PDB file of N, CA and C in Angstrom:
ATOM      1  N   MET A   1     -91.149  23.657 -80.774  1.00  0.00           N
ATOM      2  CA  MET A   1     -90.390  24.572 -80.057  1.00  0.00           C
ATOM      3  C   MET A   1     -90.309  24.398 -78.526  1.00  0.00           C
ATOM      4  N   SER A   2     -90.934  23.648 -78.178  1.00  0.00           N
ATOM      5  CA  SER A   2     -90.643  23.430 -76.594  1.00  0.00           C
ATOM      6  C   SER A   2     -89.670  22.436 -76.548  1.00  0.00           C
ATOM      7  N   GLU A   3     -89.500  21.525 -77.838  1.00  0.00           N
ATOM      8  CA  GLU A   3     -88.447  20.688 -77.603  1.00  0.00           C
ATOM      9  C   GLU A   3     -87.175  21.143 -77.643  1.00  0.00           C
ATOM     10  N   LYS A   4     -86.800  22.383 -78.449  1.00  0.00           N
ATOM     11  CA  LYS A   4     -85.485  23.091 -78.393  1.00  0.00           C
ATOM     12  C   LYS A   4     -85.068  23.806 -77.204  1.00  0.00           C
ATOM     13  N   ARG A   5     -86.336  24.473 -76.581  1.00  0.00           N
ATOM     14  CA  ARG A   5     -85.921  25.114 -75.274  1.00  0.00           C
ATOM     15  C   ARG A   5     -85.450  24.139 -74.136  1.00  0.00           C
ATOM     16  N   LYS A   6     -86.062  22.933 -74.177  1.00  0.00           N
ATOM     17  CA  LYS A   6     -85.815  21.847 -72.811  1.00  0.00           C
ATOM     18  C   LYS A   6     -84.221  21.719 -72.941  1.00  0.00           C
ATOM     19  N   PRO A   7     -83.703  21.487 -74.114  1.00  0.00           N
ATOM     20  CA  PRO A   7     -82.047  21.003 -74.126  1.00  0.00           C
ATOM     21  C   PRO A   7     -81.359  22.024 -73.855  1.00  0.00           C
ATOM     22  N   PHE A   8     -81.877  23.446 -74.244  1.00  0.00           N
ATOM     23  CA  PHE A   8     -80.887  24.636 -74.089  1.00  0.00           C
ATOM     24  C   PHE A   8     -81.120  24.936 -72.334  1.00  0.00           C
ATOM     25  N   SER A   9     -82.330  25.112 -71.862  1.00  0.00           N
ATOM     26  CA  SER A   9     -82.314  24.834 -70.609  1.00  0.00           C
ATOM     27  C   SER A   9     -81.433  24.100 -69.720  1.00  0.00           C
ATOM     28  N   LEU A  10     -81.531  22.778 -69.960  1.00  0.00           N
ATOM     29  CA  LEU A  10     -80.551  21.912 -69.393  1.00  0.00           C
ATOM     30  C   LEU A  10     -79.153  22.098 -69.523  1.00  0.00           C
ATOM     31  N   SER A  11     -78.916  22.455 -70.689  1.00  0.00           N
ATOM     32  CA  SER A  11     -77.456  22.871 -70.953  1.00  0.00           C
ATOM     33  C   SER A  11     -77.158  24.349 -69.971  1.00  0.00           C
ATOM     34  N   LEU A  12     -78.055  24.628 -69.940  1.00  0.00           N
ATOM     35  CA  LEU A  12     -77.924  26.198 -69.095  1.00  0.00           C
ATOM     36  C   LEU A  12     -77.471  26.102 -67.692  1.00  0.00           C
ATOM     37  N   LEU A  13     -78.069  25.098 -67.189  1.00  0.00           N
ATOM     38  CA  LEU A  13     -78.398  24.311 -65.801  1.00  0.00           C
ATOM     39  C   LEU A  13     -77.143  23.708 -65.492  1.00  0.00           C
ATOM     40  N   VAL A  14     -76.807  23.068 -66.471  1.00  0.00           N
ATOM     41  CA  VAL A  14     -75.347  22.135 -65.966  1.00  0.00           C
ATOM     42  C   VAL A  14     -74.304  23.274 -66.198  1.00  0.00           C
ATOM     43  N   ARG A  15     -73.888  24.267 -67.006  1.00  0.00           N
ATOM     44  CA  ARG A  15     -73.136  25.248 -66.924  1.00  0.00           C
ATOM     45  C   ARG A  15     -73.224  26.045 -65.492  1.00  0.00           C
ATOM     46  N   VAL A  16     -74.325  26.310 -65.010  1.00  0.00           N
ATOM     47  CA  VAL A  16     -74.433  27.001 -63.667  1.00  0.00           C
ATOM     48  C   VAL A  16     -73.798  25.962 -62.764  1.00  0.00           C
ATOM     49  N   PHE A  17     -74.188  24.727 -62.724  1.00  0.00           N
ATOM     50  CA  PHE A  17     -73.706  23.876 -61.967  1.00  0.00           C
ATOM     51  C   PHE A  17     -72.350  23.637 -61.966  1.00  0.00           C
ATOM     52  N   LEU A  18     -71.593  23.466 -63.050  1.00  0.00           N
ATOM     53  CA  LEU A  18     -70.258  23.444 -63.406  1.00  0.00           C
ATOM     54  C   LEU A  18     -69.605  24.713 -62.773  1.00  0.00           C
ATOM     55  N   ALA A  19     -69.854  25.811 -62.712  1.00  0.00           N
ATOM     56  CA  ALA A  19     -69.509  27.230 -62.440  1.00  0.00           C
ATOM     57  C   ALA A  19     -69.414  27.223 -60.735  1.00  0.00           C
ATOM     58  N   VAL A  20     -70.787  26.700 -60.501  1.00  0.00           N
ATOM     59  CA  VAL A  20     -70.582  26.587 -58.946  1.00  0.00           C
ATOM     60  C   VAL A  20     -69.546  25.580 -58.116  1.00  0.00           C
ATOM     61  N   ILE A  21     -69.588  24.634 -59.091  1.00  0.00           N
ATOM     62  CA  ILE A  21     -68.422  23.384 -58.666  1.00  0.00           C
ATOM     63  C   ILE A  21     -67.059  24.177 -58.707  1.00  0.00           C
ATOM     64  N   VAL A  22     -66.636  24.722 -59.735  1.00  0.00           N
ATOM     65  CA  VAL A  22     -65.462  25.366 -60.010  1.00  0.00           C
ATOM     66  C   VAL A  22     -65.146  26.534 -58.725  1.00  0.00           C
ATOM     67  N   VAL A  23     -66.108  27.261 -58.484  1.00  0.00           N
ATOM     68  CA  VAL A  23     -65.913  28.215 -57.421  1.00  0.00           C
ATOM     69  C   VAL A  23     -66.027  27.882 -56.191  1.00  0.00           C
ATOM     70  N   VAL A  24     -66.713  26.673 -55.823  1.00  0.00           N
ATOM     71  CA  VAL A  24     -66.550  26.024 -54.585  1.00  0.00           C
ATOM     72  C   VAL A  24     -64.799  25.271 -54.390  1.00  0.00           C
ATOM     73  N   SER A  25     -64.798  24.732 -55.395  1.00  0.00           N
ATOM     74  CA  SER A  25     -63.366  23.823 -55.283  1.00  0.00           C
ATOM     75  C   SER A  25     -62.162  25.101 -55.361  1.00  0.00           C
ATOM     76  N   LEU A  26     -62.241  26.172 -56.003  1.00  0.00           N
ATOM     77  CA  LEU A  26     -61.271  27.462 -55.887  1.00  0.00           C
ATOM     78  C   LEU A  26     -61.239  27.671 -54.236  1.00  0.00           C
ATOM     79  N   VAL A  27     -62.730  27.955 -53.266  1.00  0.00           N
ATOM     80  CA  VAL A  27     -62.534  28.282 -52.453  1.00  0.00           C
ATOM     81  C   VAL A  27     -62.040  27.395 -51.373  1.00  0.00           C
ATOM     82  N   VAL A  28     -62.334  26.099 -51.652  1.00  0.00           N
ATOM     83  CA  VAL A  28     -61.819  24.973 -50.712  1.00  0.00           C
ATOM     84  C   VAL A  28     -60.171  24.827 -51.044  1.00  0.00           C
ATOM     85  N   PHE A  29     -59.673  24.963 -52.087  1.00  0.00           N
ATOM     86  CA  PHE A  29     -58.448  25.001 -52.276  1.00  0.00           C
ATOM     87  C   PHE A  29     -57.398  26.026 -51.739  1.00  0.00           C
ATOM     88  N   VAL A  30     -58.314  27.409 -51.657  1.00  0.00           N
ATOM     89  CA  VAL A  30     -57.175  28.252 -51.290  1.00  0.00           C
ATOM     90  C   VAL A  30     -57.490  28.057 -49.782  1.00  0.00           C
ATOM     91  N   ASN A  31     -58.419  27.683 -48.664  1.00  0.00           N
ATOM     92  CA  ASN A  31     -58.711  27.647 -47.818  1.00  0.00           C
ATOM     93  C   ASN A  31     -57.461  26.760 -47.424  1.00  0.00           C
ATOM     94  N   GLY A  32     -57.483  25.340 -47.899  1.00  0.00           N
ATOM     95  CA  GLY A  32     -56.557  24.512 -47.678  1.00  0.00           C
ATOM     96  C   GLY A  32     -54.986  25.111 -47.623  1.00  0.00           C
ATOM     97  N   VAL A  33     -54.822  25.917 -48.636  1.00  0.00           N
ATOM     98  CA  VAL A  33     -53.276  26.358 -48.464  1.00  0.00           C
ATOM     99  C   VAL A  33     -53.246  27.435 -47.632  1.00  0.00           C
ATOM    100  N   MET A  34     -53.989  28.133 -47.323  1.00  0.00           N
ATOM    101  CA  MET A  34     -53.822  29.110 -46.349  1.00  0.00           C
ATOM    102  C   MET A  34     -53.673  28.343 -44.840  1.00  0.00           C
ATOM    103  N   ARG A  35     -54.382  27.136 -44.528  1.00  0.00           N
ATOM    104  CA  ARG A  35     -54.204  26.466 -43.470  1.00  0.00           C
ATOM    105  C   ARG A  35     -53.197  25.628 -43.587  1.00  0.00           C
ATOM    106  N   TYR A  36     -52.606  25.248 -44.433  1.00  0.00           N
ATOM    107  CA  TYR A  36     -51.052  24.701 -44.855  1.00  0.00           C
ATOM    108  C   TYR A  36     -49.981  25.637 -44.309  1.00  0.00           C
ATOM    109  N   ASN A  37     -50.062  26.799 -44.838  1.00  0.00           N
ATOM    110  CA  ASN A  37     -49.182  27.973 -44.277  1.00  0.00           C
ATOM    111  C   ASN A  37     -49.206  28.193 -42.977  1.00  0.00           C
ATOM    112  N   GLU A  38     -50.389  28.348 -42.603  1.00  0.00           N
ATOM    113  CA  GLU A  38     -50.320  28.424 -40.922  1.00  0.00           C
ATOM    114  C   GLU A  38     -49.738  27.344 -40.125  1.00  0.00           C
ATOM    115  N   LEU A  39     -50.151  26.025 -40.655  1.00  0.00           N
ATOM    116  CA  LEU A  39     -49.402  24.931 -39.790  1.00  0.00           C
ATOM    117  C   LEU A  39     -48.109  25.008 -40.128  1.00  0.00           C
ATOM    118  N   LEU A  40     -47.449  25.298 -40.986  1.00  0.00           N
ATOM    119  CA  LEU A  40     -45.863  25.393 -41.202  1.00  0.00           C
ATOM    120  C   LEU A  40     -45.427  26.226 -40.491  1.00  0.00           C
ATOM    121  N   GLU A  41     -46.189  27.398 -40.118  1.00  0.00           N
ATOM    122  CA  GLU A  41     -45.429  28.480 -39.467  1.00  0.00           C
ATOM    123  C   GLU A  41     -45.454  27.885 -38.036  1.00  0.00           C
ATOM    124  N   GLU A  42     -46.623  27.180 -37.633  1.00  0.00           N
ATOM    125  CA  GLU A  42     -47.008  26.914 -36.269  1.00  0.00           C
ATOM    126  C   GLU A  42     -45.486  25.797 -35.846  1.00  0.00           C
ATOM    127  N   ARG A  43     -45.682  24.923 -36.829  1.00  0.00           N
ATOM    128  CA  ARG A  43     -44.612  23.666 -36.777  1.00  0.00           C
ATOM    129  C   ARG A  43     -43.160  24.250 -36.761  1.00  0.00           C
ATOM    130  N   GLN A  44     -42.812  25.659 -37.275  1.00  0.00           N
ATOM    131  CA  GLN A  44     -41.492  25.824 -37.291  1.00  0.00           C
ATOM    132  C   GLN A  44     -41.329  26.637 -35.711  1.00  0.00           C
ATOM    133  N   GLU A  45     -42.397  27.089 -35.138  1.00  0.00           N
ATOM    134  CA  GLU A  45     -42.539  27.583 -34.028  1.00  0.00           C
ATOM    135  C   GLU A  45     -42.121  26.551 -32.887  1.00  0.00           C
ATOM    136  N   LEU A  46     -42.784  25.691 -32.864  1.00  0.00           N
ATOM    137  CA  LEU A  46     -42.674  24.442 -32.129  1.00  0.00           C
ATOM    138  C   LEU A  46     -41.740  23.819 -32.204  1.00  0.00           C
ATOM    139  N   GLU A  47     -40.874  23.575 -33.567  1.00  0.00           N
ATOM    140  CA  GLU A  47     -39.369  23.332 -33.416  1.00  0.00           C
ATOM    141  C   GLU A  47     -38.503  24.061 -32.683  1.00  0.00           C
ATOM    142  N   ASN A  48     -38.632  25.375 -33.052  1.00  0.00           N
ATOM    143  CA  ASN A  48     -37.884  26.343 -32.388  1.00  0.00           C
ATOM    144  C   ASN A  48     -37.907  26.080 -30.790  1.00  0.00           C
ATOM    145  N   THR A  49     -39.157  25.907 -30.256  1.00  0.00           N
ATOM    146  CA  THR A  49     -39.122  25.939 -28.859  1.00  0.00           C
ATOM    147  C   THR A  49     -38.864  24.546 -28.288  1.00  0.00           C
ATOM    148  N   ARG A  50     -39.039  23.557 -29.027  1.00  0.00           N
ATOM    149  CA  ARG A  50     -38.317  22.201 -28.707  1.00  0.00           C
ATOM    150  C   ARG A  50     -37.121  22.219 -28.536  1.00  0.00           C
ATOM    151  N   ASP A  51     -36.142  22.853 -29.604  1.00  0.00           N
ATOM    152  CA  ASP A  51     -34.773  23.161 -29.500  1.00  0.00           C
ATOM    153  C   ASP A  51     -34.290  23.709 -28.303  1.00  0.00           C
ATOM    154  N   GLN A  52     -34.905  24.883 -27.817  1.00  0.00           N
ATOM    155  CA  GLN A  52     -34.638  25.711 -26.608  1.00  0.00           C
ATOM    156  C   GLN A  52     -34.838  24.639 -25.663  1.00  0.00           C
ATOM    157  N   LEU A  53     -35.932  23.755 -25.517  1.00  0.00           N
ATOM    158  CA  LEU A  53     -35.938  23.033 -24.230  1.00  0.00           C
ATOM    159  C   LEU A  53     -35.125  21.963 -24.114  1.00  0.00           C
ATOM    160  N   VAL A  54     -34.757  21.489 -25.365  1.00  0.00           N
ATOM    161  CA  VAL A  54     -33.785  20.313 -25.336  1.00  0.00           C
ATOM    162  C   VAL A  54     -32.320  20.964 -24.723  1.00  0.00           C
ATOM    163  N   GLU A  55     -31.907  21.854 -25.093  1.00  0.00           N
ATOM    164  CA  GLU A  55     -30.788  22.782 -24.698  1.00  0.00           C
ATOM    165  C   GLU A  55     -30.811  23.034 -23.364  1.00  0.00           C
ATOM    166  N   GLU A  56     -32.135  23.607 -22.641  1.00  0.00           N
ATOM    167  CA  GLU A  56     -32.229  23.861 -21.247  1.00  0.00           C
ATOM    168  C   GLU A  56     -32.156  22.551 -20.487  1.00  0.00           C
ATOM    169  N   LYS A  57     -32.634  21.506 -21.053  1.00  0.00           N
ATOM    170  CA  LYS A  57     -32.739  20.212 -20.353  1.00  0.00           C
ATOM    171  C   LYS A  57     -31.112  19.611 -20.385  1.00  0.00           C
ATOM    172  N   GLU A  58     -30.272  19.578 -21.246  1.00  0.00           N
ATOM    173  CA  GLU A  58     -29.089  19.354 -21.308  1.00  0.00           C
ATOM    174  C   GLU A  58     -28.264  20.202 -20.267  1.00  0.00           C
ATOM    175  N   GLN A  59     -28.385  21.402 -20.237  1.00  0.00           N
ATOM    176  CA  GLN A  59     -27.947  22.371 -19.039  1.00  0.00           C
ATOM    177  C   GLN A  59     -28.410  21.692 -17.691  1.00  0.00           C
ATOM    178  N   LEU A  60     -29.608  21.621 -17.485  1.00  0.00           N
ATOM    179  CA  LEU A  60     -30.166  21.346 -16.367  1.00  0.00           C
ATOM    180  C   LEU A  60     -29.650  19.825 -15.663  1.00  0.00           C
ATOM    181  N   GLU A  61     -29.404  19.094 -16.799  1.00  0.00           N
ATOM    182  CA  GLU A  61     -28.665  17.882 -16.579  1.00  0.00           C
ATOM    183  C   GLU A  61     -27.417  17.712 -16.059  1.00  0.00           C
ATOM    184  N   GLU A  62     -26.651  18.909 -16.792  1.00  0.00           N
ATOM    185  CA  GLU A  62     -25.290  18.920 -16.598  1.00  0.00           C
ATOM    186  C   GLU A  62     -25.286  19.462 -15.195  1.00  0.00           C
ATOM    187  N   LEU A  63     -26.038  20.465 -14.630  1.00  0.00           N
ATOM    188  CA  LEU A  63     -25.916  21.100 -13.407  1.00  0.00           C
ATOM    189  C   LEU A  63     -26.313  19.936 -12.484  1.00  0.00           C
ATOM    190  N   MET A  64     -27.251  19.203 -12.339  1.00  0.00           N
ATOM    191  CA  MET A  64     -27.800  17.996 -11.780  1.00  0.00           C
ATOM    192  C   MET A  64     -26.639  16.685 -11.287  1.00  0.00           C
ATOM    193  N   ASN A  65     -25.960  16.897 -12.491  1.00  0.00           N
ATOM    194  CA  ASN A  65     -24.682  15.750 -12.337  1.00  0.00           C
ATOM    195  C   ASN A  65     -23.639  16.430 -12.052  1.00  0.00           C
ATOM    196  N   ALA A  66     -23.387  17.693 -11.859  1.00  0.00           N
ATOM    197  CA  ALA A  66     -22.131  18.391 -11.347  1.00  0.00           C
ATOM    198  C   ALA A  66     -21.960  18.299  -9.901  1.00  0.00           C
ATOM    199  N   GLU A  67     -20.585  18.213  -9.832  1.00  0.00           N
ATOM    200  CA  GLU A  67     -20.106  18.188  -8.488  1.00  0.00           C
ATOM    201  C   GLU A  67     -19.956  19.682  -7.982  1.00  0.00           C
ATOM    202  N   ASN A  68     -20.320  19.733  -6.607  1.00  0.00           N
ATOM    203  CA  ASN A  68     -20.339  20.981  -6.195  1.00  0.00           C
ATOM    204  C   ASN A  68     -18.931  21.703  -5.970  1.00  0.00           C
ATOM    205  N   GLY A  69     -18.222  21.200  -6.699  1.00  0.00           N
ATOM    206  CA  GLY A  69     -16.707  21.567  -6.487  1.00  0.00           C
ATOM    207  C   GLY A  69     -16.280  22.821  -7.220  1.00  0.00           C
ATOM    208  N   GLU A  70     -15.049  22.768  -7.455  1.00  0.00           N
ATOM    209  CA  GLU A  70     -14.269  24.090  -8.171  1.00  0.00           C
ATOM    210  C   GLU A  70     -14.943  24.326  -9.552  1.00  0.00           C
ATOM    211  N   SER A  71     -14.927  23.317 -10.433  1.00  0.00           N
ATOM    212  CA  SER A  71     -15.371  23.341 -11.564  1.00  0.00           C
ATOM    213  C   SER A  71     -16.636  24.004 -11.835  1.00  0.00           C
ATOM    214  N   TYR A  72     -17.627  23.453 -10.988  1.00  0.00           N
ATOM    215  CA  TYR A  72     -18.861  23.966 -10.605  1.00  0.00           C
ATOM    216  C   TYR A  72     -18.995  25.547 -10.552  1.00  0.00           C
ATOM    217  N   VAL A  73     -18.517  26.035  -9.468  1.00  0.00           N
ATOM    218  CA  VAL A  73     -18.197  27.520  -9.303  1.00  0.00           C
ATOM    219  C   VAL A  73     -17.926  28.439 -10.112  1.00  0.00           C
ATOM    220  N   ILE A  74     -16.815  27.658 -10.687  1.00  0.00           N
ATOM    221  CA  ILE A  74     -16.102  28.317 -12.107  1.00  0.00           C
ATOM    222  C   ILE A  74     -16.935  28.436 -13.211  1.00  0.00           C
ATOM    223  N   ARG A  75     -17.826  27.528 -13.544  1.00  0.00           N
ATOM    224  CA  ARG A  75     -18.781  27.316 -14.658  1.00  0.00           C
ATOM    225  C   ARG A  75     -19.848  28.439 -14.453  1.00  0.00           C
ATOM    226  N   MET A  76     -20.321  28.340 -13.242  1.00  0.00           N
ATOM    227  CA  MET A  76     -21.402  29.397 -12.964  1.00  0.00           C
ATOM    228  C   MET A  76     -20.976  30.809 -12.900  1.00  0.00           C
ATOM    229  N   ALA A  77     -19.946  31.214 -12.454  1.00  0.00           N
ATOM    230  CA  ALA A  77     -19.253  32.372 -12.558  1.00  0.00           C
ATOM    231  C   ALA A  77     -19.031  33.005 -14.049  1.00  0.00           C
ATOM    232  N   ARG A  78     -18.673  32.102 -14.756  1.00  0.00           N
ATOM    233  CA  ARG A  78     -18.496  32.252 -16.498  1.00  0.00           C
ATOM    234  C   ARG A  78     -20.096  32.708 -16.778  1.00  0.00           C
ATOM    235  N   LYS A  79     -20.894  31.687 -16.458  1.00  0.00           N
ATOM    236  CA  LYS A  79     -22.219  31.773 -16.992  1.00  0.00           C
ATOM    237  C   LYS A  79     -23.163  32.900 -17.178  1.00  0.00           C
ATOM    238  N   PHE A  80     -23.331  33.247 -15.529  1.00  0.00           N
ATOM    239  CA  PHE A  80     -23.824  34.176 -14.973  1.00  0.00           C
ATOM    240  C   PHE A  80     -23.510  35.768 -14.751  1.00  0.00           C
ATOM    241  N   TRP A  81     -22.248  35.764 -14.355  1.00  0.00           N
ATOM    242  CA  TRP A  81     -21.662  36.937 -14.054  1.00  0.00           C
ATOM    243  C   TRP A  81     -20.208  37.461 -14.957  1.00  0.00           C
ATOM    244  N   ASN A  82     -20.207  36.522 -16.103  1.00  0.00           N
ATOM    245  CA  ASN A  82     -19.097  36.669 -17.084  1.00  0.00           C
ATOM    246  C   ASN A  82     -17.783  36.888 -16.332  1.00  0.00           C
ATOM    247  N   LEU A  83     -17.352  36.278 -15.622  1.00  0.00           N
ATOM    248  CA  LEU A  83     -16.252  36.101 -15.073  1.00  0.00           C
ATOM    249  C   LEU A  83     -15.089  35.405 -15.403  1.00  0.00           C
ATOM    250  N   PHE A  84     -13.856  35.888 -15.639  1.00  0.00           N
ATOM    251  CA  PHE A  84     -12.890  34.893 -16.155  1.00  0.00           C
ATOM    252  C   PHE A  84     -11.576  35.048 -15.058  1.00  0.00           C
ATOM    253  N   PHE A  85     -11.000  34.247 -15.470  1.00  0.00           N
ATOM    254  CA  PHE A  85      -9.338  34.256 -14.733  1.00  0.00           C
ATOM    255  C   PHE A  85      -8.495  35.274 -15.357  1.00  0.00           C
ATOM    256  N   PRO A  86      -7.668  36.087 -14.341  1.00  0.00           N
ATOM    257  CA  PRO A  86      -6.823  37.132 -15.168  1.00  0.00           C
ATOM    258  C   PRO A  86      -5.989  36.906 -16.590  1.00  0.00           C
ATOM    259  N   GLU A  87      -5.620  35.482 -16.342  1.00  0.00           N
ATOM    260  CA  GLU A  87      -4.631  35.063 -17.475  1.00  0.00           C
ATOM    261  C   GLU A  87      -5.226  34.626 -18.610  1.00  0.00           C
ATOM    262  N   GLU A  88      -6.665  34.312 -18.461  1.00  0.00           N
ATOM    263  CA  GLU A  88      -7.450  33.954 -20.011  1.00  0.00           C
ATOM    264  C   GLU A  88      -7.321  34.840 -21.019  1.00  0.00           C
ATOM    265  N   GLU A  89      -7.124  34.220 -22.184  1.00  0.00           N
ATOM    266  CA  GLU A  89      -7.668  35.137 -23.140  1.00  0.00           C
ATOM    267  C   GLU A  89      -8.649  35.130 -23.938  1.00  0.00           C
ATOM    268  N   ILE A  90      -9.381  36.227 -23.971  1.00  0.00           N
ATOM    269  CA  ILE A  90     -10.996  36.346 -24.207  1.00  0.00           C
ATOM    270  C   ILE A  90     -11.101  36.784 -25.618  1.00  0.00           C
ATOM    271  N   TYR A  91     -11.879  36.022 -26.318  1.00  0.00           N
ATOM    272  CA  TYR A  91     -12.287  36.289 -27.749  1.00  0.00           C
ATOM    273  C   TYR A  91     -13.672  36.632 -28.113  1.00  0.00           C
ATOM    274  N   PHE A  92     -14.029  38.033 -28.678  1.00  0.00           N
ATOM    275  CA  PHE A  92     -15.229  38.268 -28.739  1.00  0.00           C
ATOM    276  C   PHE A  92     -15.733  38.034 -30.142  1.00  0.00           C
ATOM    277  N   ASN A  93     -16.761  37.420 -30.780  1.00  0.00           N
ATOM    278  CA  ASN A  93     -17.181  37.377 -32.229  1.00  0.00           C
ATOM    279  C   ASN A  93     -18.444  38.368 -32.232  1.00  0.00           C
ATOM    280  N   ASN A  94     -18.296  39.561 -33.033  1.00  0.00           N
ATOM    281  CA  ASN A  94     -19.079  40.323 -33.228  1.00  0.00           C
ATOM    282  C   ASN A  94     -19.692  39.946 -34.712  1.00  0.00           C
ATOM    283  N   GLY A  95     -20.906  39.184 -34.560  1.00  0.00           N
ATOM    284  CA  GLY A  95     -21.570  38.583 -36.035  1.00  0.00           C
ATOM    285  C   GLY A  95     -22.098  39.743 -36.551  1.00  0.00           C
ATOM    286  N   ASN A  96     -22.267  41.158 -36.059  1.00  0.00           N
ATOM    287  CA  ASN A  96     -22.679  41.896 -37.128  1.00  0.00           C
ATOM    288  C   ASN A  96     -21.730  42.816 -37.989  1.00  0.00           C
ATOM    289  N   SER A  97     -20.421  42.585 -37.841  1.00  0.00           N
ATOM    290  CA  SER A  97     -19.711  43.375 -38.590  1.00  0.00           C
ATOM    291  C   SER A  97     -18.739  42.345 -39.453  1.00  0.00           C
TER     292      SER A  97
END
């Protein structure tokens, strides 16, 4: 009788071990998927920041290379104060309509 019990208990031990491995594998997988999603969001934020910084760099390089003449004054007046010449036609694009 003791010979029959030993294979049964070994089989039970193997089943418990496999169940533990499956549970641990699932936990590691779910944790990895969550971390991957977090990294994707962080990557998107960093790409947006990079795009903004590249645009700002281009504007600053343009300002640095600009002459302090009339074209520079006109460009700054348009950009910061939304000023335009009286004879200019201005078109507005309202993206919400």
